N, C-alpha and C. Protein backbone atom coordinates (compact mmCIF):
# COMPACT_ATOMS: atom_id res chain seq x y z
N MET A 1 100.82 94.88 298.01
CA MET A 1 100.37 96.24 297.72
C MET A 1 99.71 96.32 296.33
N LYS A 2 100.28 95.56 295.39
CA LYS A 2 99.72 95.56 294.04
C LYS A 2 98.29 95.05 294.06
N ASP A 3 98.06 93.97 294.84
CA ASP A 3 96.71 93.42 294.93
C ASP A 3 95.74 94.42 295.55
N TYR A 4 96.24 95.19 296.49
CA TYR A 4 95.40 96.21 297.15
C TYR A 4 94.94 97.24 296.13
N TYR A 5 95.87 97.74 295.32
CA TYR A 5 95.50 98.75 294.32
C TYR A 5 94.58 98.16 293.25
N GLN A 6 94.78 96.91 292.93
CA GLN A 6 93.89 96.27 291.96
C GLN A 6 92.47 96.16 292.53
N PHE A 7 92.40 95.83 293.82
CA PHE A 7 91.09 95.73 294.48
C PHE A 7 90.39 97.08 294.50
N ILE A 8 91.12 98.13 294.86
CA ILE A 8 90.55 99.49 294.89
C ILE A 8 90.09 99.90 293.50
N SER A 9 90.88 99.59 292.50
CA SER A 9 90.52 99.94 291.12
C SER A 9 89.26 99.20 290.69
N LEU A 10 89.15 97.94 291.12
CA LEU A 10 87.96 97.15 290.78
C LEU A 10 86.72 97.72 291.45
N VAL A 11 86.84 98.11 292.71
CA VAL A 11 85.71 98.68 293.44
C VAL A 11 85.26 99.99 292.79
N ILE A 12 86.22 100.86 292.50
CA ILE A 12 85.89 102.15 291.89
C ILE A 12 85.26 101.94 290.52
N GLY A 13 85.85 101.03 289.74
CA GLY A 13 85.30 100.75 288.41
C GLY A 13 83.88 100.21 288.47
N SER A 14 83.62 99.34 289.45
CA SER A 14 82.29 98.78 289.61
C SER A 14 81.28 99.84 290.00
N LEU A 15 81.69 100.74 290.90
CA LEU A 15 80.79 101.83 291.32
C LEU A 15 80.46 102.76 290.16
N LEU A 16 81.48 103.08 289.37
CA LEU A 16 81.25 103.96 288.22
C LEU A 16 80.33 103.28 287.20
N LEU A 17 80.52 101.99 287.00
CA LEU A 17 79.65 101.26 286.07
C LEU A 17 78.22 101.24 286.58
N LEU A 18 78.04 101.02 287.89
CA LEU A 18 76.70 101.02 288.47
C LEU A 18 76.04 102.38 288.31
N MET A 19 76.79 103.44 288.56
CA MET A 19 76.26 104.79 288.41
C MET A 19 75.87 105.07 286.96
N LEU A 20 76.69 104.58 286.04
CA LEU A 20 76.39 104.77 284.62
C LEU A 20 75.11 104.04 284.22
N VAL A 21 74.94 102.83 284.71
CA VAL A 21 73.73 102.05 284.41
C VAL A 21 72.50 102.74 284.98
N ILE A 22 72.59 103.23 286.21
CA ILE A 22 71.46 103.91 286.84
C ILE A 22 71.11 105.17 286.06
N ASN A 23 72.11 105.96 285.67
CA ASN A 23 71.86 107.16 284.88
C ASN A 23 71.16 106.80 283.58
N PHE A 24 71.64 105.76 282.92
CA PHE A 24 71.04 105.34 281.65
C PHE A 24 69.59 104.93 281.86
N TRP A 25 69.32 104.18 282.91
CA TRP A 25 67.95 103.73 283.22
C TRP A 25 67.03 104.91 283.46
N ILE A 26 67.46 105.87 284.26
CA ILE A 26 66.61 107.02 284.59
C ILE A 26 66.32 107.85 283.34
N VAL A 27 67.33 108.08 282.53
CA VAL A 27 67.14 108.89 281.32
C VAL A 27 66.22 108.18 280.32
N ILE A 28 66.49 106.90 280.06
CA ILE A 28 65.69 106.15 279.08
C ILE A 28 64.25 106.00 279.53
N SER A 29 64.03 105.78 280.82
CA SER A 29 62.67 105.51 281.31
C SER A 29 61.79 106.75 281.37
N THR A 30 62.37 107.93 281.23
CA THR A 30 61.58 109.16 281.33
C THR A 30 61.63 110.04 280.08
N SER A 31 62.44 109.67 279.12
CA SER A 31 62.66 110.53 277.95
C SER A 31 61.37 110.87 277.21
N ASP A 32 60.46 109.89 277.11
CA ASP A 32 59.23 110.13 276.34
C ASP A 32 58.20 110.96 277.10
N GLN A 33 58.54 111.41 278.31
CA GLN A 33 57.64 112.26 279.08
C GLN A 33 58.05 113.74 279.01
N ILE A 34 59.11 114.03 278.29
CA ILE A 34 59.65 115.38 278.23
C ILE A 34 59.34 116.01 276.87
N TYR A 35 58.84 117.25 276.90
CA TYR A 35 58.46 117.95 275.67
C TYR A 35 59.10 119.33 275.62
N ASP A 36 59.51 119.72 274.41
CA ASP A 36 59.95 121.09 274.20
C ASP A 36 59.02 121.82 273.24
N ASP A 37 58.03 121.09 272.73
CA ASP A 37 57.01 121.68 271.86
C ASP A 37 55.72 121.80 272.67
N VAL A 38 55.35 123.02 273.01
CA VAL A 38 54.22 123.23 273.90
C VAL A 38 52.90 122.75 273.30
N SER A 39 52.82 122.67 272.00
CA SER A 39 51.58 122.24 271.36
C SER A 39 51.30 120.76 271.60
N LEU A 40 52.31 120.00 271.98
CA LEU A 40 52.14 118.56 272.19
C LEU A 40 51.76 118.22 273.62
N ILE A 41 51.73 119.21 274.49
CA ILE A 41 51.44 118.97 275.90
C ILE A 41 49.95 119.08 276.17
N SER A 42 49.41 118.11 276.90
CA SER A 42 48.01 118.16 277.29
C SER A 42 47.83 119.13 278.45
N HIS A 43 46.64 119.74 278.50
CA HIS A 43 46.36 120.68 279.60
C HIS A 43 46.34 119.96 280.93
N GLN A 44 46.97 120.58 281.93
CA GLN A 44 46.90 120.11 283.31
C GLN A 44 46.56 121.30 284.19
N LYS A 45 45.96 121.03 285.33
CA LYS A 45 45.60 122.12 286.23
C LYS A 45 46.83 122.88 286.71
N VAL A 46 47.89 122.15 287.07
CA VAL A 46 49.03 122.76 287.74
C VAL A 46 50.34 122.52 286.99
N GLY A 47 51.16 123.56 286.97
CA GLY A 47 52.53 123.44 286.52
C GLY A 47 53.43 123.62 287.72
N LEU A 48 54.30 122.66 287.97
CA LEU A 48 55.24 122.71 289.09
C LEU A 48 56.58 123.22 288.60
N VAL A 49 56.99 124.38 289.11
CA VAL A 49 58.28 124.97 288.73
C VAL A 49 59.29 124.65 289.83
N LEU A 50 60.34 123.93 289.48
CA LEU A 50 61.36 123.55 290.45
C LEU A 50 62.32 124.70 290.68
N GLY A 51 62.65 124.93 291.94
CA GLY A 51 63.40 126.11 292.32
C GLY A 51 64.89 126.06 292.02
N THR A 52 65.43 127.22 291.82
CA THR A 52 66.87 127.43 291.72
C THR A 52 67.14 128.90 292.03
N SER A 53 68.38 129.24 292.25
CA SER A 53 68.72 130.61 292.61
C SER A 53 68.45 131.57 291.45
N ARG A 54 67.94 132.76 291.76
CA ARG A 54 67.67 133.74 290.72
C ARG A 54 68.96 134.32 290.15
N TYR A 55 69.98 134.37 290.97
CA TYR A 55 71.24 134.96 290.53
C TYR A 55 72.38 133.97 290.66
N ALA A 56 73.27 133.99 289.68
CA ALA A 56 74.50 133.22 289.76
C ALA A 56 75.52 134.04 290.52
N SER A 57 76.76 133.70 290.42
CA SER A 57 77.79 134.44 291.15
C SER A 57 77.88 135.88 290.67
N LYS A 58 78.24 136.76 291.59
CA LYS A 58 78.47 138.19 291.32
C LYS A 58 77.21 138.89 290.80
N GLY A 59 76.05 138.40 291.20
CA GLY A 59 74.81 139.08 290.86
C GLY A 59 74.33 138.91 289.44
N VAL A 60 74.99 138.05 288.68
CA VAL A 60 74.57 137.81 287.30
C VAL A 60 73.32 136.92 287.29
N LYS A 61 72.36 137.24 286.41
CA LYS A 61 71.14 136.45 286.35
C LYS A 61 71.44 134.99 286.01
N ASN A 62 70.75 134.09 286.68
CA ASN A 62 70.89 132.66 286.45
C ASN A 62 70.01 132.26 285.27
N GLU A 63 70.63 131.78 284.20
CA GLU A 63 69.87 131.41 283.00
C GLU A 63 68.86 130.30 283.28
N PHE A 64 69.22 129.37 284.15
CA PHE A 64 68.29 128.29 284.48
C PHE A 64 67.00 128.85 285.10
N PHE A 65 67.16 129.80 286.00
CA PHE A 65 66.00 130.43 286.64
C PHE A 65 65.14 131.13 285.60
N GLU A 66 65.76 131.95 284.75
CA GLU A 66 65.01 132.72 283.76
C GLU A 66 64.27 131.80 282.79
N GLU A 67 64.92 130.70 282.39
CA GLU A 67 64.29 129.77 281.46
C GLU A 67 63.07 129.09 282.08
N ARG A 68 63.18 128.73 283.33
CA ARG A 68 62.06 128.07 283.99
C ARG A 68 60.87 129.02 284.13
N ILE A 69 61.15 130.26 284.50
CA ILE A 69 60.07 131.23 284.64
C ILE A 69 59.44 131.53 283.28
N ASP A 70 60.25 131.68 282.25
CA ASP A 70 59.72 131.92 280.91
C ASP A 70 58.84 130.76 280.46
N ALA A 71 59.30 129.53 280.72
CA ALA A 71 58.55 128.35 280.30
C ALA A 71 57.21 128.26 281.04
N ALA A 72 57.22 128.51 282.34
CA ALA A 72 55.98 128.47 283.12
C ALA A 72 55.02 129.55 282.65
N SER A 73 55.53 130.73 282.39
CA SER A 73 54.69 131.82 281.89
C SER A 73 54.06 131.46 280.56
N ARG A 74 54.84 130.84 279.69
CA ARG A 74 54.33 130.45 278.38
C ARG A 74 53.21 129.42 278.53
N LEU A 75 53.40 128.44 279.37
CA LEU A 75 52.36 127.43 279.58
C LEU A 75 51.06 128.06 280.07
N PHE A 76 51.17 129.00 280.98
CA PHE A 76 49.97 129.64 281.54
C PHE A 76 49.27 130.51 280.49
N LYS A 77 50.04 131.30 279.77
CA LYS A 77 49.46 132.27 278.85
C LYS A 77 48.77 131.62 277.65
N ILE A 78 49.21 130.43 277.27
CA ILE A 78 48.53 129.76 276.16
C ILE A 78 47.52 128.73 276.65
N GLY A 79 47.30 128.69 277.96
CA GLY A 79 46.23 127.87 278.50
C GLY A 79 46.55 126.41 278.74
N LYS A 80 47.82 126.07 278.81
CA LYS A 80 48.18 124.68 279.08
C LYS A 80 48.12 124.35 280.57
N ILE A 81 48.21 125.35 281.42
CA ILE A 81 48.04 125.18 282.86
C ILE A 81 47.16 126.31 283.38
N SER A 82 46.49 126.06 284.49
CA SER A 82 45.62 127.07 285.10
C SER A 82 46.20 127.64 286.38
N HIS A 83 47.22 126.96 286.91
CA HIS A 83 47.80 127.37 288.18
C HIS A 83 49.28 127.01 288.17
N ILE A 84 50.08 127.81 288.88
CA ILE A 84 51.52 127.58 288.94
C ILE A 84 51.93 127.37 290.40
N LEU A 85 52.59 126.25 290.66
CA LEU A 85 53.14 125.96 291.98
C LEU A 85 54.65 126.14 291.91
N VAL A 86 55.19 127.11 292.64
CA VAL A 86 56.63 127.33 292.66
C VAL A 86 57.18 126.73 293.95
N SER A 87 58.12 125.84 293.81
CA SER A 87 58.62 125.08 294.96
C SER A 87 60.13 125.19 295.04
N GLY A 88 60.61 125.64 296.20
CA GLY A 88 62.05 125.79 296.33
C GLY A 88 62.49 126.00 297.76
N ASP A 89 63.74 126.35 297.89
CA ASP A 89 64.39 126.52 299.19
C ASP A 89 64.10 127.91 299.76
N ASN A 90 63.85 127.92 301.05
CA ASN A 90 63.58 129.17 301.76
C ASN A 90 64.45 129.19 303.02
N ARG A 91 65.76 129.18 302.81
CA ARG A 91 66.68 128.94 303.92
C ARG A 91 66.90 130.15 304.81
N SER A 92 66.63 131.36 304.30
CA SER A 92 66.83 132.55 305.13
C SER A 92 66.06 133.71 304.53
N VAL A 93 66.06 134.84 305.24
CA VAL A 93 65.37 136.04 304.74
C VAL A 93 66.09 136.58 303.50
N TYR A 94 67.33 136.15 303.31
CA TYR A 94 68.12 136.64 302.17
C TYR A 94 68.10 135.67 300.99
N TYR A 95 67.62 134.46 301.21
CA TYR A 95 67.57 133.48 300.13
C TYR A 95 66.21 132.80 300.16
N ASN A 96 65.39 133.11 299.16
CA ASN A 96 64.02 132.61 299.15
C ASN A 96 63.62 132.36 297.70
N GLU A 97 63.80 131.12 297.26
CA GLU A 97 63.52 130.79 295.86
C GLU A 97 62.05 130.96 295.49
N PRO A 98 61.08 130.49 296.30
CA PRO A 98 59.67 130.68 295.92
C PRO A 98 59.29 132.15 295.79
N ARG A 99 59.76 132.98 296.71
CA ARG A 99 59.45 134.41 296.63
C ARG A 99 60.04 135.02 295.36
N ASP A 100 61.28 134.63 295.02
CA ASP A 100 61.90 135.15 293.80
C ASP A 100 61.15 134.70 292.56
N MET A 101 60.68 133.46 292.57
CA MET A 101 59.92 132.96 291.42
C MET A 101 58.58 133.68 291.31
N LEU A 102 57.94 133.92 292.44
CA LEU A 102 56.68 134.68 292.44
C LEU A 102 56.89 136.06 291.83
N ASN A 103 57.91 136.75 292.27
CA ASN A 103 58.18 138.10 291.76
C ASN A 103 58.49 138.08 290.27
N ALA A 104 59.25 137.10 289.83
CA ALA A 104 59.60 137.01 288.41
C ALA A 104 58.38 136.70 287.55
N LEU A 105 57.48 135.86 288.04
CA LEU A 105 56.26 135.55 287.30
C LEU A 105 55.36 136.78 287.22
N LYS A 106 55.25 137.52 288.31
CA LYS A 106 54.44 138.75 288.30
C LYS A 106 55.02 139.76 287.32
N GLU A 107 56.34 139.82 287.22
CA GLU A 107 56.97 140.72 286.26
C GLU A 107 56.61 140.35 284.83
N ARG A 108 56.26 139.10 284.61
CA ARG A 108 55.88 138.64 283.27
C ARG A 108 54.37 138.66 283.07
N GLY A 109 53.66 139.27 284.00
CA GLY A 109 52.23 139.47 283.84
C GLY A 109 51.36 138.34 284.35
N ILE A 110 51.91 137.42 285.13
CA ILE A 110 51.12 136.33 285.68
C ILE A 110 50.44 136.81 286.97
N PRO A 111 49.11 136.67 287.11
CA PRO A 111 48.41 137.14 288.31
C PRO A 111 48.86 136.38 289.56
N GLU A 112 49.03 137.08 290.64
CA GLU A 112 49.51 136.47 291.88
C GLU A 112 48.53 135.42 292.39
N GLU A 113 47.23 135.60 292.12
CA GLU A 113 46.23 134.68 292.66
C GLU A 113 46.30 133.28 292.03
N VAL A 114 47.01 133.12 290.93
CA VAL A 114 47.12 131.79 290.31
C VAL A 114 48.47 131.15 290.64
N ILE A 115 49.18 131.73 291.60
CA ILE A 115 50.50 131.21 291.98
C ILE A 115 50.47 130.76 293.43
N THR A 116 50.90 129.54 293.68
CA THR A 116 51.02 129.01 295.04
C THR A 116 52.50 128.80 295.35
N LEU A 117 52.90 129.15 296.56
CA LEU A 117 54.29 129.04 296.96
C LEU A 117 54.49 127.85 297.91
N ASP A 118 55.43 127.02 297.57
CA ASP A 118 55.84 125.92 298.46
C ASP A 118 57.23 126.25 298.97
N TYR A 119 57.32 126.64 300.22
CA TYR A 119 58.59 127.06 300.81
C TYR A 119 59.43 125.88 301.28
N ALA A 120 58.91 124.68 301.18
CA ALA A 120 59.61 123.50 301.71
C ALA A 120 60.13 122.59 300.60
N GLY A 121 60.34 123.13 299.42
CA GLY A 121 60.90 122.33 298.33
C GLY A 121 62.41 122.31 298.41
N LEU A 122 62.93 121.72 299.48
CA LEU A 122 64.36 121.75 299.73
C LEU A 122 65.15 120.90 298.74
N ARG A 123 64.52 119.86 298.24
CA ARG A 123 65.14 118.99 297.25
C ARG A 123 64.11 118.67 296.17
N THR A 124 64.58 118.12 295.07
CA THR A 124 63.65 117.74 294.00
C THR A 124 62.62 116.76 294.51
N LEU A 125 63.04 115.79 295.32
CA LEU A 125 62.10 114.82 295.87
C LEU A 125 61.02 115.51 296.68
N ASP A 126 61.42 116.46 297.54
CA ASP A 126 60.45 117.19 298.36
C ASP A 126 59.43 117.91 297.49
N SER A 127 59.90 118.60 296.47
CA SER A 127 59.00 119.37 295.60
C SER A 127 57.99 118.48 294.89
N VAL A 128 58.46 117.38 294.33
CA VAL A 128 57.57 116.49 293.56
C VAL A 128 56.57 115.79 294.48
N VAL A 129 57.06 115.24 295.59
CA VAL A 129 56.18 114.50 296.49
C VAL A 129 55.18 115.43 297.17
N ARG A 130 55.60 116.61 297.59
CA ARG A 130 54.70 117.56 298.24
C ARG A 130 53.64 118.07 297.26
N CYS A 131 53.95 118.14 295.97
CA CYS A 131 52.95 118.54 294.98
C CYS A 131 51.74 117.62 295.06
N HIS A 132 51.99 116.35 295.36
CA HIS A 132 50.90 115.38 295.51
C HIS A 132 50.36 115.34 296.94
N GLN A 133 51.26 115.13 297.90
CA GLN A 133 50.83 114.89 299.28
C GLN A 133 50.25 116.12 299.96
N VAL A 134 50.76 117.28 299.65
CA VAL A 134 50.29 118.52 300.30
C VAL A 134 49.31 119.27 299.41
N PHE A 135 49.63 119.39 298.12
CA PHE A 135 48.83 120.24 297.24
C PHE A 135 47.84 119.47 296.36
N GLY A 136 47.75 118.16 296.57
CA GLY A 136 46.67 117.37 296.01
C GLY A 136 46.70 117.11 294.52
N GLN A 137 47.87 117.13 293.91
CA GLN A 137 47.95 116.94 292.46
C GLN A 137 48.55 115.58 292.13
N SER A 138 47.86 114.80 291.33
CA SER A 138 48.38 113.52 290.87
C SER A 138 48.77 113.57 289.40
N GLN A 139 48.34 114.63 288.71
CA GLN A 139 48.72 114.88 287.33
C GLN A 139 49.17 116.34 287.21
N PHE A 140 50.36 116.56 286.70
CA PHE A 140 50.87 117.93 286.60
C PHE A 140 52.04 117.99 285.63
N ILE A 141 52.41 119.19 285.27
CA ILE A 141 53.54 119.42 284.38
C ILE A 141 54.70 119.97 285.20
N ILE A 142 55.86 119.36 285.06
CA ILE A 142 57.05 119.83 285.77
C ILE A 142 57.88 120.69 284.83
N VAL A 143 58.30 121.84 285.32
CA VAL A 143 59.08 122.79 284.51
C VAL A 143 60.50 122.88 285.04
N SER A 144 61.45 122.54 284.20
CA SER A 144 62.86 122.66 284.56
C SER A 144 63.69 122.42 283.30
N GLN A 145 65.02 122.34 283.47
CA GLN A 145 65.89 121.98 282.35
C GLN A 145 65.84 120.47 282.12
N GLN A 146 66.23 120.05 280.93
CA GLN A 146 66.10 118.64 280.56
C GLN A 146 66.90 117.74 281.49
N PHE A 147 68.14 118.11 281.81
CA PHE A 147 68.97 117.26 282.65
C PHE A 147 68.33 117.03 284.02
N HIS A 148 67.55 118.00 284.51
CA HIS A 148 66.90 117.92 285.79
C HIS A 148 65.57 117.17 285.71
N LEU A 149 64.90 117.31 284.58
CA LEU A 149 63.58 116.69 284.41
C LEU A 149 63.64 115.17 284.47
N TYR A 150 64.72 114.57 283.97
CA TYR A 150 64.83 113.12 284.03
C TYR A 150 64.65 112.63 285.47
N ARG A 151 65.36 113.25 286.38
CA ARG A 151 65.33 112.83 287.78
C ARG A 151 63.98 113.14 288.42
N ALA A 152 63.45 114.33 288.15
CA ALA A 152 62.16 114.72 288.73
C ALA A 152 61.05 113.77 288.27
N LEU A 153 61.05 113.42 287.01
CA LEU A 153 60.02 112.53 286.48
C LEU A 153 60.19 111.10 287.00
N PHE A 154 61.43 110.68 287.20
CA PHE A 154 61.68 109.36 287.77
C PHE A 154 61.07 109.27 289.17
N ILE A 155 61.22 110.33 289.94
CA ILE A 155 60.63 110.38 291.28
C ILE A 155 59.11 110.34 291.18
N ALA A 156 58.55 111.13 290.28
CA ALA A 156 57.10 111.15 290.10
C ALA A 156 56.58 109.78 289.70
N ASN A 157 57.26 109.11 288.79
CA ASN A 157 56.83 107.79 288.34
C ASN A 157 56.85 106.78 289.49
N HIS A 158 57.84 106.88 290.34
CA HIS A 158 57.95 105.96 291.47
C HIS A 158 56.72 106.06 292.37
N TYR A 159 56.18 107.27 292.49
CA TYR A 159 55.00 107.48 293.34
C TYR A 159 53.69 107.32 292.58
N GLY A 160 53.77 106.87 291.35
CA GLY A 160 52.56 106.62 290.57
C GLY A 160 51.87 107.88 290.10
N LEU A 161 52.60 108.97 289.99
CA LEU A 161 52.02 110.24 289.55
C LEU A 161 52.14 110.36 288.04
N LYS A 162 51.15 110.99 287.43
CA LYS A 162 51.14 111.16 285.98
C LYS A 162 51.69 112.54 285.65
N ALA A 163 53.00 112.62 285.57
CA ALA A 163 53.66 113.90 285.33
C ALA A 163 54.30 113.92 283.95
N THR A 164 54.32 115.09 283.36
CA THR A 164 55.09 115.32 282.14
C THR A 164 56.05 116.46 282.40
N GLY A 165 57.09 116.55 281.58
CA GLY A 165 58.08 117.60 281.75
C GLY A 165 58.08 118.56 280.59
N TYR A 166 58.24 119.83 280.88
CA TYR A 166 58.32 120.84 279.81
C TYR A 166 59.57 121.67 280.01
N LEU A 167 60.33 121.83 278.93
CA LEU A 167 61.50 122.70 278.95
C LEU A 167 61.38 123.72 277.84
N SER A 168 62.02 124.82 278.01
CA SER A 168 61.96 125.87 277.01
C SER A 168 62.66 125.43 275.73
N SER A 169 61.98 125.56 274.60
CA SER A 169 62.61 125.22 273.31
C SER A 169 63.64 126.25 272.89
N GLU A 170 63.67 127.37 273.61
CA GLU A 170 64.62 128.43 273.29
C GLU A 170 65.77 128.44 274.30
N SER A 171 66.00 127.29 274.94
CA SER A 171 67.02 127.21 275.98
C SER A 171 68.39 127.62 275.44
N GLY A 172 69.03 128.52 276.18
CA GLY A 172 70.37 128.95 275.78
C GLY A 172 71.39 128.68 276.87
N SER A 173 70.98 128.06 277.96
CA SER A 173 71.87 127.83 279.08
C SER A 173 72.93 126.80 278.73
N LYS A 174 74.08 126.94 279.35
CA LYS A 174 75.21 126.05 279.09
C LYS A 174 75.34 125.05 280.22
N PHE A 175 75.42 123.78 279.85
CA PHE A 175 75.58 122.72 280.85
C PHE A 175 77.07 122.49 281.05
N THR A 176 77.60 122.97 282.14
CA THR A 176 79.02 122.85 282.42
C THR A 176 79.35 121.45 282.91
N PHE A 177 80.63 121.15 282.95
CA PHE A 177 81.07 119.86 283.46
C PHE A 177 80.63 119.68 284.91
N LYS A 178 80.68 120.75 285.68
CA LYS A 178 80.29 120.70 287.08
C LYS A 178 78.82 120.29 287.23
N ILE A 179 77.96 120.88 286.40
CA ILE A 179 76.53 120.55 286.44
C ILE A 179 76.29 119.11 286.00
N SER A 180 76.97 118.69 284.95
CA SER A 180 76.82 117.32 284.46
C SER A 180 77.26 116.31 285.50
N LEU A 181 78.38 116.59 286.17
CA LEU A 181 78.88 115.69 287.20
C LEU A 181 77.93 115.62 288.38
N ARG A 182 77.42 116.78 288.77
CA ARG A 182 76.49 116.82 289.91
C ARG A 182 75.24 116.00 289.61
N GLU A 183 74.72 116.10 288.40
CA GLU A 183 73.52 115.35 288.06
C GLU A 183 73.83 113.86 287.91
N PHE A 184 75.01 113.55 287.42
CA PHE A 184 75.44 112.15 287.29
C PHE A 184 75.44 111.46 288.65
N ILE A 185 75.80 112.20 289.68
CA ILE A 185 75.81 111.67 291.05
C ILE A 185 74.41 111.72 291.66
N ALA A 186 73.65 112.78 291.36
CA ALA A 186 72.33 112.97 291.98
C ALA A 186 71.34 111.91 291.57
N ARG A 187 71.43 111.39 290.36
CA ARG A 187 70.46 110.39 289.90
C ARG A 187 70.56 109.08 290.69
N PRO A 188 71.76 108.51 290.87
CA PRO A 188 71.83 107.31 291.73
C PRO A 188 71.39 107.59 293.16
N LEU A 189 71.71 108.76 293.69
CA LEU A 189 71.28 109.10 295.04
C LEU A 189 69.76 109.15 295.13
N ALA A 190 69.11 109.65 294.07
CA ALA A 190 67.65 109.69 294.04
C ALA A 190 67.08 108.28 294.06
N LEU A 191 67.70 107.39 293.32
CA LEU A 191 67.24 106.00 293.31
C LEU A 191 67.38 105.37 294.69
N PHE A 192 68.50 105.63 295.37
CA PHE A 192 68.69 105.09 296.72
C PHE A 192 67.67 105.69 297.68
N ASP A 193 67.37 106.99 297.51
CA ASP A 193 66.35 107.63 298.34
C ASP A 193 65.02 106.92 298.23
N LEU A 194 64.68 106.50 297.01
CA LEU A 194 63.37 105.91 296.75
C LEU A 194 63.29 104.44 297.12
N TYR A 195 64.31 103.67 296.76
CA TYR A 195 64.22 102.22 296.87
C TYR A 195 64.93 101.63 298.09
N ILE A 196 65.83 102.37 298.69
CA ILE A 196 66.59 101.83 299.81
C ILE A 196 66.29 102.58 301.10
N TRP A 197 66.41 103.91 301.07
CA TRP A 197 66.25 104.70 302.29
C TRP A 197 64.82 105.17 302.52
N ASN A 198 63.98 105.06 301.50
CA ASN A 198 62.57 105.48 301.60
C ASN A 198 62.46 106.90 302.19
N ARG A 199 63.23 107.80 301.64
CA ARG A 199 63.23 109.18 302.11
C ARG A 199 61.90 109.86 301.82
N GLN A 200 61.47 110.70 302.74
CA GLN A 200 60.25 111.47 302.60
C GLN A 200 60.59 112.96 302.68
N PRO A 201 59.70 113.83 302.26
CA PRO A 201 59.97 115.27 302.39
C PRO A 201 60.32 115.63 303.83
N LYS A 202 61.24 116.56 303.99
CA LYS A 202 61.72 116.93 305.32
C LYS A 202 60.61 117.54 306.16
N PHE A 203 59.74 118.34 305.51
CA PHE A 203 58.68 119.02 306.25
C PHE A 203 57.32 118.50 305.80
N SER A 204 56.47 118.19 306.77
CA SER A 204 55.08 117.82 306.48
C SER A 204 54.21 119.05 306.64
N GLN A 205 53.01 118.96 306.15
CA GLN A 205 52.11 120.12 306.17
C GLN A 205 50.68 119.63 306.02
N ASP A 206 49.75 120.38 306.56
CA ASP A 206 48.34 120.03 306.39
C ASP A 206 47.98 120.01 304.91
N TYR A 207 47.09 119.10 304.57
CA TYR A 207 46.64 118.96 303.18
C TYR A 207 45.98 120.25 302.73
N ALA A 208 46.49 120.84 301.65
CA ALA A 208 45.97 122.12 301.16
C ALA A 208 45.88 122.07 299.64
N PRO A 209 44.93 121.31 299.10
CA PRO A 209 44.86 121.10 297.66
C PRO A 209 44.62 122.39 296.88
N ILE A 210 45.31 122.50 295.77
CA ILE A 210 45.13 123.65 294.89
C ILE A 210 43.81 123.51 294.15
N GLY A 211 43.01 124.55 294.17
CA GLY A 211 41.75 124.53 293.45
C GLY A 211 40.62 123.84 294.20
C-alpha cells in the first residue's frame, strides 16, 4: 500500500511539474507582445475583444468586461484600430456576450458600423482562429486581461498570426485564486488542443473579411 501511495504521489507531482513548465513557457514566450501603454502599440485594422459575461453574480457589473470595453474604446478613439471585432458566447437569448459588448461600446460612443459581432467565439481558441479564418485578419490587437492574453497570444503565434495584446493600464480587477487556478489549468489544455488534439473552432462560416 505504501508503494501505491508513493506511485500516486509521483504521478501527481510529475503532472503538476509539467503544468508548471507549460505555464512558464506560455507566459515567457508571449510576454513581449503585451502592452499597457497605448502609445507603444502600432496601428492595426482590427481589435479583437475576447468575450466575458457583462455581469458577475447578483447582477453586479463584471470588472473584466468593463475593462475590456474601456480598452477597446480607447484604442479606437485614439486611432490605434479602425474596427472592433467582439467575439464571445451566444448560448441563449438570455446570454449573449457579443450583443452585450456591442451595446457597451455604443454606450461609449463607438459607431455600430465599425463593430463586427462573432457569435461563435465559444472559447479563446475559437475567437482567435476565427478572426483569421472567417474575418480575414492575420495582424490584429487582442484586448483582454493580462492573465488571459498570454494564452490568446500563444494560440495566435501557433497559427503564425502577428498579434499583439493590449490591457487597460488602469486595471482595477482582482485576480482571485479561482481565476488563477482556472488559467493555470487552461494553458496546458490550450497546448494540448494545438499540438495533440488539433482542435478547430466548433463552428465554421463563410469567409467574410472585415473591410
